[in-house]
Amino acid sequence: MDWKYLFTSFDGRINRAKFWAGVGVLFAIGIVAQIIDALLGTTGESGLGIVGVIVMLASIYPALALYAKRWHDRDKSGWWSLIALIPLIGAVWLLVELGILEGTRGANQYGPDPLA
């Protein structure tokens, strides 16, 4: 798997397995950041520490790149990621569309089928 392409490019398509692998990596990095904050004693009352906040902000770009490629597999624009801004409904919609539903079979306007 090309991790650089997965986290830096907004072009092309990825299947559900690559999407979940990318989400898993970002989640693991977030947990490591929380552990580092706990060890350094930089965790505040809110539960967030300096390292966690930095990692969270740095994860926005890779997460959006991941989401955009998965939206492309569903034959939709990466701008659909903005649906996550709608409280509760947006998060559920994002989970269903990107994590559960199958991508478009065959080639579409965003590239060839990643399963082909």
PDB file of N, CA and C in Angstrom:
ATOM      1  N   MET A   1       0.840  -1.177   0.000  1.00  0.00           N
ATOM      2  CA  MET A   1       0.000   0.000   0.000  1.00  0.00           C
ATOM      3  C   MET A   1       0.890   1.247   0.000  1.00  0.00           C
ATOM      4  N   ASP A   2       0.528   2.191  -0.816  1.00  0.00           N
ATOM      5  CA  ASP A   2       1.278   3.444  -0.914  1.00  0.00           C
ATOM      6  C   ASP A   2       0.708   4.440   0.102  1.00  0.00           C
ATOM      7  N   TRP A   3       1.345   4.514   1.268  1.00  0.00           N
ATOM      8  CA  TRP A   3       0.855   5.358   2.355  1.00  0.00           C
ATOM      9  C   TRP A   3       0.947   6.835   2.011  1.00  0.00           C
ATOM     10  N   LYS A   4       1.985   7.218   1.261  1.00  0.00           N
ATOM     11  CA  LYS A   4       2.128   8.627   0.881  1.00  0.00           C
ATOM     12  C   LYS A   4       0.939   9.058   0.027  1.00  0.00           C
ATOM     13  N   TYR A   5       0.578   8.230  -0.955  1.00  0.00           N
ATOM     14  CA  TYR A   5      -0.581   8.524  -1.807  1.00  0.00           C
ATOM     15  C   TYR A   5      -1.862   8.553  -0.968  1.00  0.00           C
ATOM     16  N   LEU A   6      -1.978   7.621  -0.040  1.00  0.00           N
ATOM     17  CA  LEU A   6      -3.186   7.508   0.765  1.00  0.00           C
ATOM     18  C   LEU A   6      -3.456   8.762   1.586  1.00  0.00           C
ATOM     19  N   PHE A   7      -2.394   9.346   2.146  1.00  0.00           N
ATOM     20  CA  PHE A   7      -2.567  10.474   3.066  1.00  0.00           C
ATOM     21  C   PHE A   7      -2.271  11.852   2.483  1.00  0.00           C
ATOM     22  N   THR A   8      -1.765  11.935   1.261  1.00  0.00           N
ATOM     23  CA  THR A   8      -1.409  13.250   0.728  1.00  0.00           C
ATOM     24  C   THR A   8      -2.123  13.637  -0.563  1.00  0.00           C
ATOM     25  N   SER A   9      -2.656  12.688  -1.289  1.00  0.00           N
ATOM     26  CA  SER A   9      -3.278  12.986  -2.574  1.00  0.00           C
ATOM     27  C   SER A   9      -4.803  13.033  -2.462  1.00  0.00           C
ATOM     28  N   PHE A  10      -5.402  13.970  -3.167  1.00  0.00           N
ATOM     29  CA  PHE A  10      -6.856  14.058  -3.213  1.00  0.00           C
ATOM     30  C   PHE A  10      -7.404  13.452  -4.510  1.00  0.00           C
ATOM     31  N   ASP A  11      -6.546  12.851  -5.310  1.00  0.00           N
ATOM     32  CA  ASP A  11      -6.944  12.288  -6.596  1.00  0.00           C
ATOM     33  C   ASP A  11      -7.108  10.779  -6.502  1.00  0.00           C
ATOM     34  N   GLY A  12      -8.005  10.261  -7.317  1.00  0.00           N
ATOM     35  CA  GLY A  12      -8.165   8.823  -7.420  1.00  0.00           C
ATOM     36  C   GLY A  12      -9.219   8.264  -6.480  1.00  0.00           C
ATOM     37  N   ARG A  13      -9.185   6.930  -6.355  1.00  0.00           N
ATOM     38  CA  ARG A  13     -10.190   6.203  -5.582  1.00  0.00           C
ATOM     39  C   ARG A  13      -9.510   5.182  -4.683  1.00  0.00           C
ATOM     40  N   ILE A  14     -10.137   4.896  -3.549  1.00  0.00           N
ATOM     41  CA  ILE A  14      -9.679   3.806  -2.688  1.00  0.00           C
ATOM     42  C   ILE A  14     -10.897   2.990  -2.256  1.00  0.00           C
ATOM     43  N   ASN A  15     -10.657   1.717  -1.965  1.00  0.00           N
ATOM     44  CA  ASN A  15     -11.745   0.863  -1.509  1.00  0.00           C
ATOM     45  C   ASN A  15     -11.911   0.965   0.003  1.00  0.00           C
ATOM     46  N   ARG A  16     -12.890   0.244   0.539  1.00  0.00           N
ATOM     47  CA  ARG A  16     -13.171   0.311   1.978  1.00  0.00           C
ATOM     48  C   ARG A  16     -12.011  -0.185   2.821  1.00  0.00           C
ATOM     49  N   ALA A  17     -11.316  -1.222   2.375  1.00  0.00           N
ATOM     50  CA  ALA A  17     -10.208  -1.775   3.167  1.00  0.00           C
ATOM     51  C   ALA A  17      -9.099  -0.747   3.362  1.00  0.00           C
ATOM     52  N   LYS A  18      -8.734  -0.050   2.303  1.00  0.00           N
ATOM     53  CA  LYS A  18      -7.701   0.985   2.420  1.00  0.00           C
ATOM     54  C   LYS A  18      -8.196   2.153   3.257  1.00  0.00           C
ATOM     55  N   PHE A  19      -9.469   2.477   3.131  1.00  0.00           N
ATOM     56  CA  PHE A  19     -10.041   3.545   3.946  1.00  0.00           C
ATOM     57  C   PHE A  19      -9.921   3.203   5.430  1.00  0.00           C
ATOM     58  N   TRP A  20     -10.336   1.992   5.804  1.00  0.00           N
ATOM     59  CA  TRP A  20     -10.274   1.600   7.213  1.00  0.00           C
ATOM     60  C   TRP A  20      -8.845   1.461   7.706  1.00  0.00           C
ATOM     61  N   ALA A  21      -7.930   1.059   6.831  1.00  0.00           N
ATOM     62  CA  ALA A  21      -6.511   1.008   7.223  1.00  0.00           C
ATOM     63  C   ALA A  21      -6.010   2.419   7.529  1.00  0.00           C
ATOM     64  N   GLY A  22      -6.367   3.375   6.699  1.00  0.00           N
ATOM     65  CA  GLY A  22      -5.972   4.767   6.926  1.00  0.00           C
ATOM     66  C   GLY A  22      -6.578   5.334   8.197  1.00  0.00           C
ATOM     67  N   VAL A  23      -7.855   5.049   8.437  1.00  0.00           N
ATOM     68  CA  VAL A  23      -8.514   5.504   9.657  1.00  0.00           C
ATOM     69  C   VAL A  23      -7.826   4.878  10.876  1.00  0.00           C
ATOM     70  N   GLY A  24      -7.468   3.605  10.764  1.00  0.00           N
ATOM     71  CA  GLY A  24      -6.779   2.925  11.862  1.00  0.00           C
ATOM     72  C   GLY A  24      -5.441   3.557  12.186  1.00  0.00           C
ATOM     73  N   VAL A  25      -4.691   3.925  11.157  1.00  0.00           N
ATOM     74  CA  VAL A  25      -3.392   4.581  11.371  1.00  0.00           C
ATOM     75  C   VAL A  25      -3.582   5.926  12.059  1.00  0.00           C
ATOM     76  N   LEU A  26      -4.525   6.726  11.586  1.00  0.00           N
ATOM     77  CA  LEU A  26      -4.773   8.029  12.207  1.00  0.00           C
ATOM     78  C   LEU A  26      -5.246   7.876  13.656  1.00  0.00           C
ATOM     79  N   PHE A  27      -6.069   6.870  13.905  1.00  0.00           N
ATOM     80  CA  PHE A  27      -6.546   6.605  15.261  1.00  0.00           C
ATOM     81  C   PHE A  27      -5.388   6.201  16.178  1.00  0.00           C
ATOM     82  N   ALA A  28      -4.518   5.321  15.677  1.00  0.00           N
ATOM     83  CA  ALA A  28      -3.368   4.872  16.474  1.00  0.00           C
ATOM     84  C   ALA A  28      -2.424   6.029  16.790  1.00  0.00           C
ATOM     85  N   ILE A  29      -2.207   6.904  15.825  1.00  0.00           N
ATOM     86  CA  ILE A  29      -1.362   8.077  16.057  1.00  0.00           C
ATOM     87  C   ILE A  29      -1.979   8.967  17.134  1.00  0.00           C
ATOM     88  N   GLY A  30      -3.295   9.110  17.114  1.00  0.00           N
ATOM     89  CA  GLY A  30      -3.984   9.894  18.127  1.00  0.00           C
ATOM     90  C   GLY A  30      -3.834   9.292  19.520  1.00  0.00           C
ATOM     91  N   ILE A  31      -3.916   7.978  19.612  1.00  0.00           N
ATOM     92  CA  ILE A  31      -3.739   7.314  20.908  1.00  0.00           C
ATOM     93  C   ILE A  31      -2.320   7.499  21.418  1.00  0.00           C
ATOM     94  N   VAL A  32      -1.338   7.352  20.549  1.00  0.00           N
ATOM     95  CA  VAL A  32       0.055   7.560  20.953  1.00  0.00           C
ATOM     96  C   VAL A  32       0.253   8.993  21.451  1.00  0.00           C
ATOM     97  N   ALA A  33      -0.363   9.953  20.784  1.00  0.00           N
ATOM     98  CA  ALA A  33      -0.256  11.354  21.219  1.00  0.00           C
ATOM     99  C   ALA A  33      -0.857  11.534  22.610  1.00  0.00           C
ATOM    100  N   GLN A  34      -1.984  10.893  22.868  1.00  0.00           N
ATOM    101  CA  GLN A  34      -2.600  10.981  24.197  1.00  0.00           C
ATOM    102  C   GLN A  34      -1.707  10.352  25.268  1.00  0.00           C
ATOM    103  N   ILE A  35      -1.066   9.243  24.936  1.00  0.00           N
ATOM    104  CA  ILE A  35      -0.155   8.587  25.884  1.00  0.00           C
ATOM    105  C   ILE A  35       1.044   9.488  26.175  1.00  0.00           C
ATOM    106  N   ILE A  36       1.586  10.106  25.139  1.00  0.00           N
ATOM    107  CA  ILE A  36       2.714  11.019  25.324  1.00  0.00           C
ATOM    108  C   ILE A  36       2.302  12.195  26.210  1.00  0.00           C
ATOM    109  N   ASP A  37       1.108  12.738  25.979  1.00  0.00           N
ATOM    110  CA  ASP A  37       0.607  13.824  26.830  1.00  0.00           C
ATOM    111  C   ASP A  37       0.487  13.378  28.282  1.00  0.00           C
ATOM    112  N   ALA A  38      -0.007  12.163  28.486  1.00  0.00           N
ATOM    113  CA  ALA A  38      -0.159  11.654  29.852  1.00  0.00           C
ATOM    114  C   ALA A  38       1.200  11.483  30.522  1.00  0.00           C
ATOM    115  N   LEU A  39       2.176  10.986  29.771  1.00  0.00           N
ATOM    116  CA  LEU A  39       3.516  10.790  30.331  1.00  0.00           C
ATOM    117  C   LEU A  39       4.206  12.121  30.636  1.00  0.00           C
ATOM    118  N   LEU A  40       3.967  13.117  29.791  1.00  0.00           N
ATOM    119  CA  LEU A  40       4.574  14.430  29.998  1.00  0.00           C
ATOM    120  C   LEU A  40       3.795  15.276  30.995  1.00  0.00           C
ATOM    121  N   GLY A  41       2.593  14.856  31.319  1.00  0.00           N
ATOM    122  CA  GLY A  41       1.764  15.622  32.240  1.00  0.00           C
ATOM    123  C   GLY A  41       1.199  16.885  31.626  1.00  0.00           C
ATOM    124  N   THR A  42       1.035  16.895  30.316  1.00  0.00           N
ATOM    125  CA  THR A  42       0.537  18.093  29.634  1.00  0.00           C
ATOM    126  C   THR A  42      -0.957  18.019  29.337  1.00  0.00           C
ATOM    127  N   THR A  43      -1.644  17.021  29.894  1.00  0.00           N
ATOM    128  CA  THR A  43      -3.078  16.886  29.671  1.00  0.00           C
ATOM    129  C   THR A  43      -3.825  17.868  30.566  1.00  0.00           C
ATOM    130  N   GLY A  44      -4.698  18.642  29.971  1.00  0.00           N
ATOM    131  CA  GLY A  44      -5.463  19.632  30.723  1.00  0.00           C
ATOM    132  C   GLY A  44      -6.755  19.054  31.262  1.00  0.00           C
ATOM    133  N   GLU A  45      -7.592  19.894  31.827  1.00  0.00           N
ATOM    134  CA  GLU A  45      -8.870  19.475  32.387  1.00  0.00           C
ATOM    135  C   GLU A  45      -9.812  18.921  31.328  1.00  0.00           C
ATOM    136  N   SER A  46      -9.672  19.387  30.106  1.00  0.00           N
ATOM    137  CA  SER A  46     -10.532  18.923  29.017  1.00  0.00           C
ATOM    138  C   SER A  46     -10.134  17.543  28.509  1.00  0.00           C
ATOM    139  N   GLY A  47      -8.985  17.050  28.932  1.00  0.00           N
ATOM    140  CA  GLY A  47      -8.506  15.750  28.470  1.00  0.00           C
ATOM    141  C   GLY A  47      -7.576  15.846  27.282  1.00  0.00           C
ATOM    142  N   LEU A  48      -7.462  17.041  26.714  1.00  0.00           N
ATOM    143  CA  LEU A  48      -6.558  17.251  25.587  1.00  0.00           C
ATOM    144  C   LEU A  48      -5.249  17.852  26.085  1.00  0.00           C
ATOM    145  N   GLY A  49      -4.170  17.391  25.486  1.00  0.00           N
ATOM    146  CA  GLY A  49      -2.867  17.940  25.806  1.00  0.00           C
ATOM    147  C   GLY A  49      -2.272  18.630  24.600  1.00  0.00           C
ATOM    148  N   ILE A  50      -1.118  19.194  24.793  1.00  0.00           N
ATOM    149  CA  ILE A  50      -0.447  19.941  23.723  1.00  0.00           C
ATOM    150  C   ILE A  50      -0.124  19.032  22.539  1.00  0.00           C
ATOM    151  N   VAL A  51       0.449  17.872  22.817  1.00  0.00           N
ATOM    152  CA  VAL A  51       0.817  16.943  21.746  1.00  0.00           C
ATOM    153  C   VAL A  51      -0.437  16.468  21.024  1.00  0.00           C
ATOM    154  N   GLY A  52      -1.493  16.162  21.776  1.00  0.00           N
ATOM    155  CA  GLY A  52      -2.744  15.711  21.171  1.00  0.00           C
ATOM    156  C   GLY A  52      -3.356  16.742  20.254  1.00  0.00           C
ATOM    157  N   VAL A  53      -3.325  17.988  20.667  1.00  0.00           N
ATOM    158  CA  VAL A  53      -3.885  19.066  19.844  1.00  0.00           C
ATOM    159  C   VAL A  53      -3.066  19.241  18.563  1.00  0.00           C
ATOM    160  N   ILE A  54      -1.752  19.195  18.698  1.00  0.00           N
ATOM    161  CA  ILE A  54      -0.885  19.328  17.512  1.00  0.00           C
ATOM    162  C   ILE A  54      -1.138  18.188  16.536  1.00  0.00           C
ATOM    163  N   VAL A  55      -1.219  16.966  17.056  1.00  0.00           N
ATOM    164  CA  VAL A  55      -1.474  15.802  16.198  1.00  0.00           C
ATOM    165  C   VAL A  55      -2.860  15.902  15.565  1.00  0.00           C
ATOM    166  N   MET A  56      -3.841  16.355  16.334  1.00  0.00           N
ATOM    167  CA  MET A  56      -5.188  16.491  15.812  1.00  0.00           C
ATOM    168  C   MET A  56      -5.222  17.497  14.656  1.00  0.00           C
ATOM    169  N   LEU A  57      -4.577  18.622  14.824  1.00  0.00           N
ATOM    170  CA  LEU A  57      -4.540  19.622  13.755  1.00  0.00           C
ATOM    171  C   LEU A  57      -3.761  19.113  12.544  1.00  0.00           C
ATOM    172  N   ALA A  58      -2.665  18.397  12.799  1.00  0.00           N
ATOM    173  CA  ALA A  58      -1.867  17.858  11.692  1.00  0.00           C
ATOM    174  C   ALA A  58      -2.591  16.727  10.963  1.00  0.00           C
ATOM    175  N   SER A  59      -3.574  16.112  11.589  1.00  0.00           N
ATOM    176  CA  SER A  59      -4.304  14.992  10.983  1.00  0.00           C
ATOM    177  C   SER A  59      -5.442  15.441  10.078  1.00  0.00           C
ATOM    178  N   ILE A  60      -5.759  16.713  10.087  1.00  0.00           N
ATOM    179  CA  ILE A  60      -6.882  17.189   9.275  1.00  0.00           C
ATOM    180  C   ILE A  60      -6.628  16.957   7.788  1.00  0.00           C
ATOM    181  N   TYR A  61      -5.471  17.351   7.305  1.00  0.00           N
ATOM    182  CA  TYR A  61      -5.161  17.192   5.873  1.00  0.00           C
ATOM    183  C   TYR A  61      -5.178  15.715   5.450  1.00  0.00           C
ATOM    184  N   PRO A  62      -4.449  14.816   6.161  1.00  0.00           N
ATOM    185  CA  PRO A  62      -4.488  13.408   5.753  1.00  0.00           C
ATOM    186  C   PRO A  62      -5.892  12.807   5.812  1.00  0.00           C
ATOM    187  N   ALA A  63      -6.678  13.197   6.803  1.00  0.00           N
ATOM    188  CA  ALA A  63      -8.039  12.670   6.908  1.00  0.00           C
ATOM    189  C   ALA A  63      -8.893  13.141   5.733  1.00  0.00           C
ATOM    190  N   LEU A  64      -8.777  14.408   5.377  1.00  0.00           N
ATOM    191  CA  LEU A  64      -9.545  14.920   4.240  1.00  0.00           C
ATOM    192  C   LEU A  64      -9.126  14.261   2.929  1.00  0.00           C
ATOM    193  N   ALA A  65      -7.828  13.987   2.775  1.00  0.00           N
ATOM    194  CA  ALA A  65      -7.362  13.287   1.574  1.00  0.00           C
ATOM    195  C   ALA A  65      -7.944  11.881   1.518  1.00  0.00           C
ATOM    196  N   LEU A  66      -7.973  11.218   2.654  1.00  0.00           N
ATOM    197  CA  LEU A  66      -8.538   9.875   2.753  1.00  0.00           C
ATOM    198  C   LEU A  66     -10.027   9.892   2.421  1.00  0.00           C
ATOM    199  N   TYR A  67     -10.757  10.840   3.016  1.00  0.00           N
ATOM    200  CA  TYR A  67     -12.193  10.947   2.766  1.00  0.00           C
ATOM    201  C   TYR A  67     -12.482  11.262   1.297  1.00  0.00           C
ATOM    202  N   ALA A  68     -11.715  12.168   0.714  1.00  0.00           N
ATOM    203  CA  ALA A  68     -11.963  12.562  -0.681  1.00  0.00           C
ATOM    204  C   ALA A  68     -11.826  11.368  -1.622  1.00  0.00           C
ATOM    205  N   LYS A  69     -10.795  10.567  -1.419  1.00  0.00           N
ATOM    206  CA  LYS A  69     -10.621   9.401  -2.305  1.00  0.00           C
ATOM    207  C   LYS A  69     -11.735   8.382  -2.119  1.00  0.00           C
ATOM    208  N   ARG A  70     -12.218   8.259  -0.904  1.00  0.00           N
ATOM    209  CA  ARG A  70     -13.322   7.327  -0.660  1.00  0.00           C
ATOM    210  C   ARG A  70     -14.626   7.870  -1.252  1.00  0.00           C
ATOM    211  N   TRP A  71     -14.853   9.179  -1.145  1.00  0.00           N
ATOM    212  CA  TRP A  71     -16.027   9.772  -1.796  1.00  0.00           C
ATOM    213  C   TRP A  71     -15.946   9.552  -3.303  1.00  0.00           C
ATOM    214  N   HIS A  72     -14.752   9.691  -3.859  1.00  0.00           N
ATOM    215  CA  HIS A  72     -14.577   9.472  -5.299  1.00  0.00           C
ATOM    216  C   HIS A  72     -14.961   8.042  -5.677  1.00  0.00           C
ATOM    217  N   ASP A  73     -14.663   7.085  -4.810  1.00  0.00           N
ATOM    218  CA  ASP A  73     -15.043   5.702  -5.088  1.00  0.00           C
ATOM    219  C   ASP A  73     -16.561   5.554  -5.089  1.00  0.00           C
ATOM    220  N   ARG A  74     -17.235   6.394  -4.345  1.00  0.00           N
ATOM    221  CA  ARG A  74     -18.701   6.388  -4.316  1.00  0.00           C
ATOM    222  C   ARG A  74     -19.270   7.255  -5.445  1.00  0.00           C
ATOM    223  N   ASP A  75     -18.382   7.770  -6.342  1.00  0.00           N
ATOM    224  CA  ASP A  75     -18.746   8.616  -7.480  1.00  0.00           C
ATOM    225  C   ASP A  75     -19.354   9.945  -7.039  1.00  0.00           C
ATOM    226  N   LYS A  76     -18.776  10.499  -5.967  1.00  0.00           N
ATOM    227  CA  LYS A  76     -19.196  11.800  -5.466  1.00  0.00           C
ATOM    228  C   LYS A  76     -17.968  12.665  -5.249  1.00  0.00           C
ATOM    229  N   SER A  77     -18.182  13.954  -5.215  1.00  0.00           N
ATOM    230  CA  SER A  77     -17.090  14.897  -4.995  1.00  0.00           C
ATOM    231  C   SER A  77     -16.568  14.797  -3.561  1.00  0.00           C
ATOM    232  N   GLY A  78     -15.282  15.089  -3.395  1.00  0.00           N
ATOM    233  CA  GLY A  78     -14.692  15.115  -2.062  1.00  0.00           C
ATOM    234  C   GLY A  78     -15.290  16.177  -1.170  1.00  0.00           C
ATOM    235  N   TRP A  79     -15.969  17.144  -1.759  1.00  0.00           N
ATOM    236  CA  TRP A  79     -16.631  18.190  -0.985  1.00  0.00           C
ATOM    237  C   TRP A  79     -17.744  17.634  -0.102  1.00  0.00           C
ATOM    238  N   TRP A  80     -18.179  16.410  -0.372  1.00  0.00           N
ATOM    239  CA  TRP A  80     -19.182  15.770   0.471  1.00  0.00           C
ATOM    240  C   TRP A  80     -18.658  15.573   1.892  1.00  0.00           C
ATOM    241  N   SER A  81     -17.362  15.698   2.097  1.00  0.00           N
ATOM    242  CA  SER A  81     -16.796  15.584   3.444  1.00  0.00           C
ATOM    243  C   SER A  81     -17.369  16.650   4.369  1.00  0.00           C
ATOM    244  N   LEU A  82     -17.836  17.747   3.795  1.00  0.00           N
ATOM    245  CA  LEU A  82     -18.423  18.816   4.603  1.00  0.00           C
ATOM    246  C   LEU A  82     -19.696  18.396   5.315  1.00  0.00           C
ATOM    247  N   ILE A  83     -20.274  17.273   4.909  1.00  0.00           N
ATOM    248  CA  ILE A  83     -21.484  16.796   5.570  1.00  0.00           C
ATOM    249  C   ILE A  83     -21.202  16.451   7.035  1.00  0.00           C
ATOM    250  N   ALA A  84     -19.949  16.208   7.356  1.00  0.00           N
ATOM    251  CA  ALA A  84     -19.572  15.905   8.743  1.00  0.00           C
ATOM    252  C   ALA A  84     -19.814  17.094   9.669  1.00  0.00           C
ATOM    253  N   LEU A  85     -19.986  18.286   9.122  1.00  0.00           N
ATOM    254  CA  LEU A  85     -20.231  19.478   9.935  1.00  0.00           C
ATOM    255  C   LEU A  85     -21.656  19.535  10.496  1.00  0.00           C
ATOM    256  N   ILE A  86     -22.542  18.699   9.952  1.00  0.00           N
ATOM    257  CA  ILE A  86     -23.907  18.638  10.471  1.00  0.00           C
ATOM    258  C   ILE A  86     -23.883  17.750  11.717  1.00  0.00           C
ATOM    259  N   PRO A  87     -24.299  18.286  12.862  1.00  0.00           N
ATOM    260  CA  PRO A  87     -24.232  17.499  14.099  1.00  0.00           C
ATOM    261  C   PRO A  87     -24.987  16.175  13.998  1.00  0.00           C
ATOM    262  N   LEU A  88     -24.383  15.130  14.503  1.00  0.00           N
ATOM    263  CA  LEU A  88     -24.883  13.758  14.585  1.00  0.00           C
ATOM    264  C   LEU A  88     -25.206  13.131  13.234  1.00  0.00           C
ATOM    265  N   ILE A  89     -26.126  13.727  12.481  1.00  0.00           N
ATOM    266  CA  ILE A  89     -26.522  13.159  11.189  1.00  0.00           C
ATOM    267  C   ILE A  89     -25.330  13.092  10.244  1.00  0.00           C
ATOM    268  N   GLY A  90     -24.507  14.123  10.243  1.00  0.00           N
ATOM    269  CA  GLY A  90     -23.352  14.159   9.360  1.00  0.00           C
ATOM    270  C   GLY A  90     -22.360  13.051   9.664  1.00  0.00           C
ATOM    271  N   ALA A  91     -22.094  12.800  10.940  1.00  0.00           N
ATOM    272  CA  ALA A  91     -21.148  11.749  11.320  1.00  0.00           C
ATOM    273  C   ALA A  91     -21.681  10.373  10.933  1.00  0.00           C
ATOM    274  N   VAL A  92     -22.966  10.158  11.139  1.00  0.00           N
ATOM    275  CA  VAL A  92     -23.566   8.866  10.771  1.00  0.00           C
ATOM    276  C   VAL A  92     -23.534   8.691   9.262  1.00  0.00           C
ATOM    277  N   TRP A  93     -23.891   9.736   8.532  1.00  0.00           N
ATOM    278  CA  TRP A  93     -23.895   9.689   7.073  1.00  0.00           C
ATOM    279  C   TRP A  93     -22.487   9.372   6.563  1.00  0.00           C
ATOM    280  N   LEU A  94     -21.495  10.058   7.121  1.00  0.00           N
ATOM    281  CA  LEU A  94     -20.104   9.842   6.720  1.00  0.00           C
ATOM    282  C   LEU A  94     -19.690   8.387   6.974  1.00  0.00           C
ATOM    283  N   LEU A  95     -20.023   7.857   8.130  1.00  0.00           N
ATOM    284  CA  LEU A  95     -19.690   6.478   8.472  1.00  0.00           C
ATOM    285  C   LEU A  95     -20.332   5.500   7.503  1.00  0.00           C
ATOM    286  N   VAL A  96     -21.600   5.686   7.221  1.00  0.00           N
ATOM    287  CA  VAL A  96     -22.310   4.771   6.325  1.00  0.00           C
ATOM    288  C   VAL A  96     -21.755   4.858   4.906  1.00  0.00           C
ATOM    289  N   GLU A  97     -21.666   6.081   4.375  1.00  0.00           N
ATOM    290  CA  GLU A  97     -21.222   6.256   2.983  1.00  0.00           C
ATOM    291  C   GLU A  97     -19.786   5.784   2.764  1.00  0.00           C
ATOM    292  N   LEU A  98     -18.881   6.182   3.652  1.00  0.00           N
ATOM    293  CA  LEU A  98     -17.468   5.893   3.424  1.00  0.00           C
ATOM    294  C   LEU A  98     -17.029   4.550   3.990  1.00  0.00           C
ATOM    295  N   GLY A  99     -17.590   4.164   5.100  1.00  0.00           N
ATOM    296  CA  GLY A  99     -17.098   2.973   5.763  1.00  0.00           C
ATOM    297  C   GLY A  99     -17.862   1.701   5.513  1.00  0.00           C
ATOM    298  N   ILE A 100     -19.126   1.825   5.094  1.00  0.00           N
ATOM    299  CA  ILE A 100     -19.959   0.629   4.976  1.00  0.00           C
ATOM    300  C   ILE A 100     -20.365   0.332   3.537  1.00  0.00           C
ATOM    301  N   LEU A 101     -20.855   1.345   2.824  1.00  0.00           N
ATOM    302  CA  LEU A 101     -21.368   1.119   1.466  1.00  0.00           C
ATOM    303  C   LEU A 101     -20.249   0.831   0.470  1.00  0.00           C
ATOM    304  N   GLU A 102     -20.576  -0.009  -0.479  1.00  0.00           N
ATOM    305  CA  GLU A 102     -19.633  -0.394  -1.535  1.00  0.00           C
ATOM    306  C   GLU A 102     -19.437   0.755  -2.520  1.00  0.00           C
ATOM    307  N   GLY A 103     -18.274   0.815  -3.109  1.00  0.00           N
ATOM    308  CA  GLY A 103     -17.987   1.840  -4.105  1.00  0.00           C
ATOM    309  C   GLY A 103     -18.636   1.531  -5.433  1.00  0.00           C
ATOM    310  N   THR A 104     -18.543   2.483  -6.346  1.00  0.00           N
ATOM    311  CA  THR A 104     -19.079   2.319  -7.684  1.00  0.00           C
ATOM    312  C   THR A 104     -18.305   1.224  -8.412  1.00  0.00           C
ATOM    313  N   ARG A 105     -19.015   0.321  -9.027  1.00  0.00           N
ATOM    314  CA  ARG A 105     -18.359  -0.744  -9.795  1.00  0.00           C
ATOM    315  C   ARG A 105     -17.898  -0.196 -11.137  1.00  0.00           C
ATOM    316  N   GLY A 106     -16.712  -0.594 -11.532  1.00  0.00           N
ATOM    317  CA  GLY A 106     -16.168  -0.126 -12.791  1.00  0.00           C
ATOM    318  C   GLY A 106     -15.587   1.264 -12.672  1.00  0.00           C
ATOM    319  N   ALA A 107     -15.092   1.753 -13.777  1.00  0.00           N
ATOM    320  CA  ALA A 107     -14.474   3.081 -13.793  1.00  0.00           C
ATOM    321  C   ALA A 107     -15.549   4.156 -13.655  1.00  0.00           C
ATOM    322  N   ASN A 108     -15.162   5.267 -13.060  1.00  0.00           N
ATOM    323  CA  ASN A 108     -16.041   6.433 -13.016  1.00  0.00           C
ATOM    324  C   ASN A 108     -15.200   7.656 -13.343  1.00  0.00           C
ATOM    325  N   GLN A 109     -15.755   8.844 -13.174  1.00  0.00           N
ATOM    326  CA  GLN A 109     -15.051  10.067 -13.559  1.00  0.00           C
ATOM    327  C   GLN A 109     -13.783  10.313 -12.745  1.00  0.00           C
ATOM    328  N   TYR A 110     -13.613   9.612 -11.609  1.00  0.00           N
ATOM    329  CA  TYR A 110     -12.465   9.827 -10.746  1.00  0.00           C
ATOM    330  C   TYR A 110     -11.349   8.801 -10.938  1.00  0.00           C
ATOM    331  N   GLY A 111     -11.587   7.786 -11.767  1.00  0.00           N
ATOM    332  CA  GLY A 111     -10.544   6.821 -12.039  1.00  0.00           C
ATOM    333  C   GLY A 111     -11.076   5.402 -12.159  1.00  0.00           C
ATOM    334  N   PRO A 112     -10.148   4.455 -12.331  1.00  0.00           N
ATOM    335  CA  PRO A 112     -10.553   3.047 -12.466  1.00  0.00           C
ATOM    336  C   PRO A 112     -10.998   2.461 -11.128  1.00  0.00           C
ATOM    337  N   ASP A 113     -11.705   1.360 -11.197  1.00  0.00           N
ATOM    338  CA  ASP A 113     -12.179   0.653 -10.007  1.00  0.00           C
ATOM    339  C   ASP A 113     -10.981   0.152  -9.199  1.00  0.00           C
ATOM    340  N   PRO A 114     -10.882   0.520  -7.916  1.00  0.00           N
ATOM    341  CA  PRO A 114      -9.730   0.066  -7.121  1.00  0.00           C
ATOM    342  C   PRO A 114      -9.726  -1.435  -6.849  1.00  0.00           C
ATOM    343  N   LEU A 115     -10.855  -2.093  -7.041  1.00  0.00           N
ATOM    344  CA  LEU A 115     -10.924  -3.540  -6.836  1.00  0.00           C
ATOM    345  C   LEU A 115     -10.623  -4.327  -8.102  1.00  0.00           C
ATOM    346  N   ALA A 116     -10.564  -3.634  -9.239  1.00  0.00           N
ATOM    347  CA  ALA A 116     -10.335  -4.324 -10.526  1.00  0.00           C
ATOM    348  C   ALA A 116      -8.885  -4.734 -10.675  1.00  0.00           C
TER     349      ALA A 116
END
